[in-house]
Each structure stands twice: as C-alpha cells, then as structure tokens.
Amino acid sequence: MMGILWENSFTTFLFVTVIIGGGAGYLAGRSLATNWRPIPQLILFMLLLGLAVRFFHFALFEGTLLSIHYYVVDALVLIGISLLGYRLRRVRQMVTQYRWLYGRAGLFSWREKKNAGG
C-alpha cells in the first residue's frame, strides 16, 4: 500500500529509512559535530546517503529507484535524524569542553554561566 511517506509498506520505510539510514545519519551527525564541521556539510552527506537508501528500497524491496518524491522524503528524514545527532553532540561538547563558560539548559541547548564574564 502506497502512502505519502512510504512506497511499499510502512515497515519497509521504518526499517530501511528510519532504522538503517537514520542510524547511519545519526552517527554521521555526531561525528561531524565532534570534528566541528558545519551543518551544510552534514546536509550534503545526508543527500548522498538518501541516494543509498533509495537504492536499498529498489534493490531489496522492489521500490522505485528514480522517484523524486520518495527520495525527498528519505532525504528529509535522514537530515532530521542527523541534525538531532549533531545537536545533541554539540550541546555535550559545549558543556564539557567549556564547562567554565556554559551550562546545560535542557536537552538541546546550553546557556552562559552567570559568573563566566569575570
């Protein structure tokens, strides 16, 4: 059954795009944040990973290889998951490497400490 987000079945979309591709994207996001790489580089890598995920849908589950619609869906899911990994790692970096300047202000953000200015 075709849907807006998935082509063959929801379980195929969940397994290939979210779990396999999203796991790779999450780890890539963490790695790029660890090495202080910019977010546009992350997006470029996820667009390339989206091509691989689309190929897996085609090769393993008889999906459409050259489908712009499903490629965009896959790429957006991968970008979202990778940005999650990127942000979580960046927050951890800021509060551990610069603990005298910043403190954690939730899961996705940090704040400047009041006594950091002097």
N, C-alpha and C. Protein backbone atom coordinates (compact mmCIF):
# COMPACT_ATOMS: atom_id res chain seq x y z
N MET A 1 0.84 -1.17 0.00
CA MET A 1 0.00 0.00 0.00
C MET A 1 0.89 1.24 0.00
N MET A 2 0.67 2.12 -0.93
CA MET A 2 1.47 3.33 -1.06
C MET A 2 0.90 4.43 -0.17
N GLY A 3 1.79 5.20 0.37
CA GLY A 3 1.41 6.33 1.19
C GLY A 3 2.21 7.55 0.77
N ILE A 4 2.01 8.61 1.47
CA ILE A 4 2.76 9.83 1.16
C ILE A 4 4.22 9.67 1.55
N LEU A 5 4.48 8.97 2.67
CA LEU A 5 5.84 8.81 3.14
C LEU A 5 6.50 7.52 2.68
N TRP A 6 5.74 6.49 2.47
CA TRP A 6 6.33 5.20 2.11
C TRP A 6 5.73 4.68 0.82
N GLU A 7 6.53 3.85 0.16
CA GLU A 7 6.16 3.35 -1.15
C GLU A 7 5.51 1.97 -1.08
N ASN A 8 6.17 1.02 -0.44
CA ASN A 8 5.64 -0.34 -0.39
C ASN A 8 4.85 -0.60 0.88
N SER A 9 5.48 -0.46 2.02
CA SER A 9 4.80 -0.65 3.30
C SER A 9 5.48 0.22 4.35
N PHE A 10 4.74 0.44 5.42
CA PHE A 10 5.28 1.25 6.50
C PHE A 10 6.46 0.56 7.17
N THR A 11 6.40 -0.77 7.31
CA THR A 11 7.50 -1.49 7.96
C THR A 11 8.79 -1.40 7.13
N THR A 12 8.67 -1.42 5.81
CA THR A 12 9.84 -1.26 4.95
C THR A 12 10.43 0.14 5.13
N PHE A 13 9.58 1.15 5.14
CA PHE A 13 10.03 2.52 5.36
C PHE A 13 10.70 2.65 6.72
N LEU A 14 10.06 2.08 7.74
CA LEU A 14 10.60 2.16 9.09
C LEU A 14 11.96 1.47 9.18
N PHE A 15 12.07 0.28 8.60
CA PHE A 15 13.30 -0.49 8.69
C PHE A 15 14.43 0.14 7.89
N VAL A 16 14.20 0.42 6.61
CA VAL A 16 15.28 0.89 5.74
C VAL A 16 15.59 2.37 5.98
N THR A 17 14.59 3.22 5.96
CA THR A 17 14.84 4.66 6.04
C THR A 17 15.12 5.12 7.46
N VAL A 18 14.26 4.74 8.39
CA VAL A 18 14.38 5.28 9.74
C VAL A 18 15.45 4.56 10.56
N ILE A 19 15.41 3.23 10.57
CA ILE A 19 16.34 2.50 11.43
C ILE A 19 17.73 2.40 10.81
N ILE A 20 17.83 1.88 9.58
CA ILE A 20 19.14 1.70 8.97
C ILE A 20 19.73 3.05 8.53
N GLY A 21 19.02 3.77 7.67
CA GLY A 21 19.51 5.06 7.19
C GLY A 21 19.58 6.10 8.29
N GLY A 22 18.57 6.14 9.14
CA GLY A 22 18.55 7.10 10.24
C GLY A 22 19.65 6.83 11.25
N GLY A 23 19.93 5.56 11.50
CA GLY A 23 21.04 5.22 12.39
C GLY A 23 22.37 5.70 11.84
N ALA A 24 22.57 5.48 10.55
CA ALA A 24 23.79 5.96 9.90
C ALA A 24 23.84 7.49 9.92
N GLY A 25 22.71 8.13 9.68
CA GLY A 25 22.65 9.59 9.71
C GLY A 25 22.91 10.15 11.10
N TYR A 26 22.37 9.50 12.11
CA TYR A 26 22.58 9.93 13.49
C TYR A 26 24.06 9.87 13.84
N LEU A 27 24.70 8.75 13.49
CA LEU A 27 26.13 8.61 13.77
C LEU A 27 26.97 9.60 12.96
N ALA A 28 26.57 9.86 11.73
CA ALA A 28 27.28 10.84 10.92
C ALA A 28 27.14 12.24 11.52
N GLY A 29 25.95 12.57 12.01
CA GLY A 29 25.74 13.86 12.65
C GLY A 29 26.61 14.03 13.88
N ARG A 30 26.68 12.99 14.69
CA ARG A 30 27.54 13.04 15.87
C ARG A 30 29.00 13.20 15.49
N SER A 31 29.42 12.48 14.47
CA SER A 31 30.81 12.54 14.04
C SER A 31 31.18 13.93 13.50
N LEU A 32 30.29 14.50 12.70
CA LEU A 32 30.57 15.82 12.15
C LEU A 32 30.59 16.89 13.24
N ALA A 33 29.73 16.75 14.23
CA ALA A 33 29.75 17.71 15.34
C ALA A 33 31.01 17.55 16.16
N THR A 34 31.46 16.33 16.37
CA THR A 34 32.68 16.09 17.13
C THR A 34 33.89 16.74 16.46
N ASN A 35 33.90 16.72 15.14
CA ASN A 35 35.02 17.30 14.39
C ASN A 35 34.80 18.76 14.00
N TRP A 36 33.79 19.40 14.58
CA TRP A 36 33.49 20.81 14.37
C TRP A 36 33.24 21.14 12.90
N ARG A 37 32.55 20.27 12.20
CA ARG A 37 32.21 20.51 10.79
C ARG A 37 30.91 21.31 10.72
N PRO A 38 30.71 22.06 9.64
CA PRO A 38 29.50 22.89 9.51
C PRO A 38 28.28 22.05 9.10
N ILE A 39 27.11 22.58 9.38
CA ILE A 39 25.86 21.89 9.07
C ILE A 39 25.65 21.70 7.57
N PRO A 40 26.01 22.63 6.68
CA PRO A 40 25.85 22.36 5.25
C PRO A 40 26.59 21.11 4.77
N GLN A 41 27.71 20.81 5.37
CA GLN A 41 28.41 19.58 5.03
C GLN A 41 27.59 18.36 5.45
N LEU A 42 26.94 18.45 6.58
CA LEU A 42 26.06 17.38 7.05
C LEU A 42 24.91 17.16 6.09
N ILE A 43 24.32 18.24 5.62
CA ILE A 43 23.20 18.13 4.69
C ILE A 43 23.64 17.50 3.37
N LEU A 44 24.80 17.87 2.89
CA LEU A 44 25.33 17.26 1.67
C LEU A 44 25.51 15.76 1.85
N PHE A 45 26.08 15.34 2.96
CA PHE A 45 26.27 13.92 3.22
C PHE A 45 24.94 13.18 3.32
N MET A 46 23.93 13.81 3.89
CA MET A 46 22.63 13.14 4.01
C MET A 46 21.93 13.04 2.65
N LEU A 47 22.17 14.00 1.77
CA LEU A 47 21.63 13.88 0.42
C LEU A 47 22.26 12.69 -0.31
N LEU A 48 23.53 12.47 -0.09
CA LEU A 48 24.20 11.30 -0.67
C LEU A 48 23.72 10.00 -0.02
N LEU A 49 23.54 10.03 1.29
CA LEU A 49 23.01 8.85 1.97
C LEU A 49 21.59 8.55 1.53
N GLY A 50 20.84 9.59 1.21
CA GLY A 50 19.48 9.40 0.68
C GLY A 50 19.48 8.62 -0.62
N LEU A 51 20.48 8.83 -1.45
CA LEU A 51 20.61 8.04 -2.68
C LEU A 51 20.83 6.56 -2.36
N ALA A 52 21.66 6.29 -1.37
CA ALA A 52 21.91 4.90 -0.97
C ALA A 52 20.66 4.26 -0.39
N VAL A 53 19.93 4.99 0.42
CA VAL A 53 18.69 4.46 0.99
C VAL A 53 17.67 4.18 -0.11
N ARG A 54 17.57 5.07 -1.08
CA ARG A 54 16.67 4.86 -2.21
C ARG A 54 17.08 3.61 -2.99
N PHE A 55 18.40 3.37 -3.14
CA PHE A 55 18.86 2.16 -3.81
C PHE A 55 18.49 0.92 -3.01
N PHE A 56 18.60 0.97 -1.70
CA PHE A 56 18.21 -0.18 -0.89
C PHE A 56 16.72 -0.49 -1.04
N HIS A 57 15.89 0.54 -1.09
CA HIS A 57 14.46 0.32 -1.32
C HIS A 57 14.25 -0.38 -2.66
N PHE A 58 14.99 0.06 -3.66
CA PHE A 58 14.88 -0.51 -5.00
C PHE A 58 15.39 -1.95 -5.05
N ALA A 59 16.58 -2.17 -4.53
CA ALA A 59 17.23 -3.47 -4.66
C ALA A 59 16.62 -4.55 -3.76
N LEU A 60 16.20 -4.18 -2.58
CA LEU A 60 15.72 -5.19 -1.63
C LEU A 60 14.21 -5.35 -1.60
N PHE A 61 13.47 -4.28 -1.88
CA PHE A 61 12.03 -4.32 -1.69
C PHE A 61 11.24 -3.90 -2.93
N GLU A 62 11.89 -3.90 -4.09
CA GLU A 62 11.26 -3.58 -5.36
C GLU A 62 10.59 -2.21 -5.39
N GLY A 63 11.25 -1.25 -4.79
CA GLY A 63 10.76 0.12 -4.83
C GLY A 63 11.21 0.81 -6.10
N THR A 64 10.76 2.02 -6.29
CA THR A 64 11.14 2.79 -7.47
C THR A 64 12.49 3.47 -7.20
N LEU A 65 13.45 3.25 -8.09
CA LEU A 65 14.77 3.82 -7.89
C LEU A 65 14.78 5.32 -8.16
N LEU A 66 14.21 5.74 -9.26
CA LEU A 66 14.27 7.14 -9.67
C LEU A 66 12.96 7.86 -9.37
N SER A 67 12.62 7.92 -8.10
CA SER A 67 11.42 8.61 -7.65
C SER A 67 11.85 9.84 -6.87
N ILE A 68 11.62 11.00 -7.43
CA ILE A 68 12.00 12.25 -6.75
C ILE A 68 11.23 12.40 -5.44
N HIS A 69 9.94 12.08 -5.47
CA HIS A 69 9.10 12.24 -4.28
C HIS A 69 9.64 11.43 -3.11
N TYR A 70 9.90 10.15 -3.31
CA TYR A 70 10.36 9.31 -2.21
C TYR A 70 11.82 9.59 -1.85
N TYR A 71 12.61 10.05 -2.79
CA TYR A 71 13.97 10.46 -2.46
C TYR A 71 13.94 11.67 -1.53
N VAL A 72 13.09 12.63 -1.83
CA VAL A 72 12.99 13.83 -0.99
C VAL A 72 12.52 13.44 0.42
N VAL A 73 11.55 12.54 0.50
CA VAL A 73 11.07 12.09 1.81
C VAL A 73 12.19 11.42 2.58
N ASP A 74 12.89 10.49 1.91
CA ASP A 74 14.01 9.80 2.57
C ASP A 74 15.08 10.79 3.01
N ALA A 75 15.44 11.71 2.14
CA ALA A 75 16.49 12.68 2.46
C ALA A 75 16.07 13.59 3.62
N LEU A 76 14.83 14.01 3.66
CA LEU A 76 14.37 14.87 4.76
C LEU A 76 14.37 14.13 6.09
N VAL A 77 13.98 12.87 6.07
CA VAL A 77 14.02 12.06 7.29
C VAL A 77 15.47 11.92 7.76
N LEU A 78 16.37 11.63 6.84
CA LEU A 78 17.78 11.48 7.19
C LEU A 78 18.38 12.79 7.70
N ILE A 79 18.04 13.89 7.08
CA ILE A 79 18.55 15.19 7.53
C ILE A 79 18.04 15.50 8.93
N GLY A 80 16.78 15.21 9.19
CA GLY A 80 16.21 15.45 10.52
C GLY A 80 16.89 14.63 11.60
N ILE A 81 17.08 13.34 11.34
CA ILE A 81 17.71 12.47 12.33
C ILE A 81 19.18 12.86 12.52
N SER A 82 19.86 13.19 11.44
CA SER A 82 21.27 13.56 11.56
C SER A 82 21.44 14.89 12.29
N LEU A 83 20.53 15.82 12.08
CA LEU A 83 20.59 17.08 12.82
C LEU A 83 20.34 16.87 14.31
N LEU A 84 19.52 15.89 14.64
CA LEU A 84 19.31 15.53 16.04
C LEU A 84 20.62 15.05 16.67
N GLY A 85 21.30 14.13 16.00
CA GLY A 85 22.58 13.65 16.50
C GLY A 85 23.62 14.75 16.58
N TYR A 86 23.63 15.63 15.58
CA TYR A 86 24.55 16.77 15.54
C TYR A 86 24.33 17.68 16.74
N ARG A 87 23.07 18.03 16.99
CA ARG A 87 22.77 18.98 18.06
C ARG A 87 23.05 18.39 19.44
N LEU A 88 22.68 17.12 19.63
CA LEU A 88 22.94 16.50 20.92
C LEU A 88 24.44 16.45 21.22
N ARG A 89 25.24 16.12 20.21
CA ARG A 89 26.68 16.07 20.41
C ARG A 89 27.26 17.47 20.62
N ARG A 90 26.77 18.45 19.89
CA ARG A 90 27.28 19.81 20.03
C ARG A 90 26.99 20.36 21.43
N VAL A 91 25.80 20.10 21.95
CA VAL A 91 25.48 20.55 23.31
C VAL A 91 26.41 19.88 24.31
N ARG A 92 26.63 18.60 24.13
CA ARG A 92 27.54 17.88 25.03
C ARG A 92 28.96 18.45 24.95
N GLN A 93 29.40 18.77 23.74
CA GLN A 93 30.73 19.37 23.58
C GLN A 93 30.84 20.70 24.31
N MET A 94 29.87 21.54 24.13
CA MET A 94 29.93 22.88 24.70
C MET A 94 29.94 22.85 26.22
N VAL A 95 29.15 21.96 26.82
CA VAL A 95 29.08 21.95 28.28
C VAL A 95 30.19 21.15 28.92
N THR A 96 30.90 20.31 28.16
CA THR A 96 32.03 19.58 28.75
C THR A 96 33.37 20.25 28.44
N GLN A 97 33.56 20.72 27.22
CA GLN A 97 34.83 21.35 26.87
C GLN A 97 34.95 22.77 27.40
N TYR A 98 33.83 23.43 27.54
CA TYR A 98 33.82 24.81 28.03
C TYR A 98 32.94 24.92 29.27
N ARG A 99 33.18 24.04 30.23
CA ARG A 99 32.30 23.97 31.40
C ARG A 99 32.38 25.23 32.27
N TRP A 100 33.46 26.01 32.18
CA TRP A 100 33.55 27.25 32.94
C TRP A 100 32.73 28.37 32.30
N LEU A 101 32.36 28.21 31.02
CA LEU A 101 31.56 29.22 30.32
C LEU A 101 30.09 28.86 30.19
N TYR A 102 29.81 27.56 29.97
CA TYR A 102 28.45 27.16 29.63
C TYR A 102 27.96 26.04 30.53
N GLY A 103 26.65 26.08 30.75
CA GLY A 103 25.96 25.02 31.46
C GLY A 103 24.80 24.52 30.62
N ARG A 104 24.39 23.31 30.86
CA ARG A 104 23.29 22.73 30.09
C ARG A 104 21.98 23.43 30.45
N ALA A 105 21.20 23.76 29.42
CA ALA A 105 19.90 24.41 29.62
C ALA A 105 18.80 23.56 29.01
N GLY A 106 18.91 22.27 29.13
CA GLY A 106 17.96 21.37 28.53
C GLY A 106 18.68 20.39 27.62
N LEU A 107 17.91 19.57 26.95
CA LEU A 107 18.49 18.54 26.10
C LEU A 107 19.15 19.11 24.85
N PHE A 108 18.60 20.19 24.30
CA PHE A 108 19.07 20.72 23.03
C PHE A 108 19.77 22.07 23.11
N SER A 109 20.08 22.55 24.29
CA SER A 109 20.68 23.89 24.35
C SER A 109 21.58 24.02 25.58
N TRP A 110 22.39 25.07 25.53
CA TRP A 110 23.25 25.43 26.65
C TRP A 110 23.06 26.90 26.93
N ARG A 111 23.50 27.31 28.10
CA ARG A 111 23.37 28.72 28.48
C ARG A 111 24.70 29.19 29.06
N GLU A 112 24.93 30.47 28.96
CA GLU A 112 26.15 31.04 29.53
C GLU A 112 26.00 31.11 31.04
N LYS A 113 27.04 30.74 31.75
CA LYS A 113 27.00 30.82 33.20
C LYS A 113 27.11 32.27 33.62
N LYS A 114 26.51 32.59 34.73
CA LYS A 114 26.45 33.99 35.18
C LYS A 114 27.83 34.52 35.57
N ASN A 115 28.67 33.69 36.12
CA ASN A 115 29.99 34.14 36.57
C ASN A 115 31.06 33.97 35.49
N ALA A 116 30.66 33.67 34.24
CA ALA A 116 31.63 33.42 33.18
C ALA A 116 32.30 34.70 32.71
N GLY A 117 31.64 35.85 32.86
CA GLY A 117 32.19 37.09 32.36
C GLY A 117 33.30 37.69 33.21
N GLY A 118 33.47 37.24 34.39
CA GLY A 118 34.56 37.82 35.18
C GLY A 118 34.25 37.92 36.57
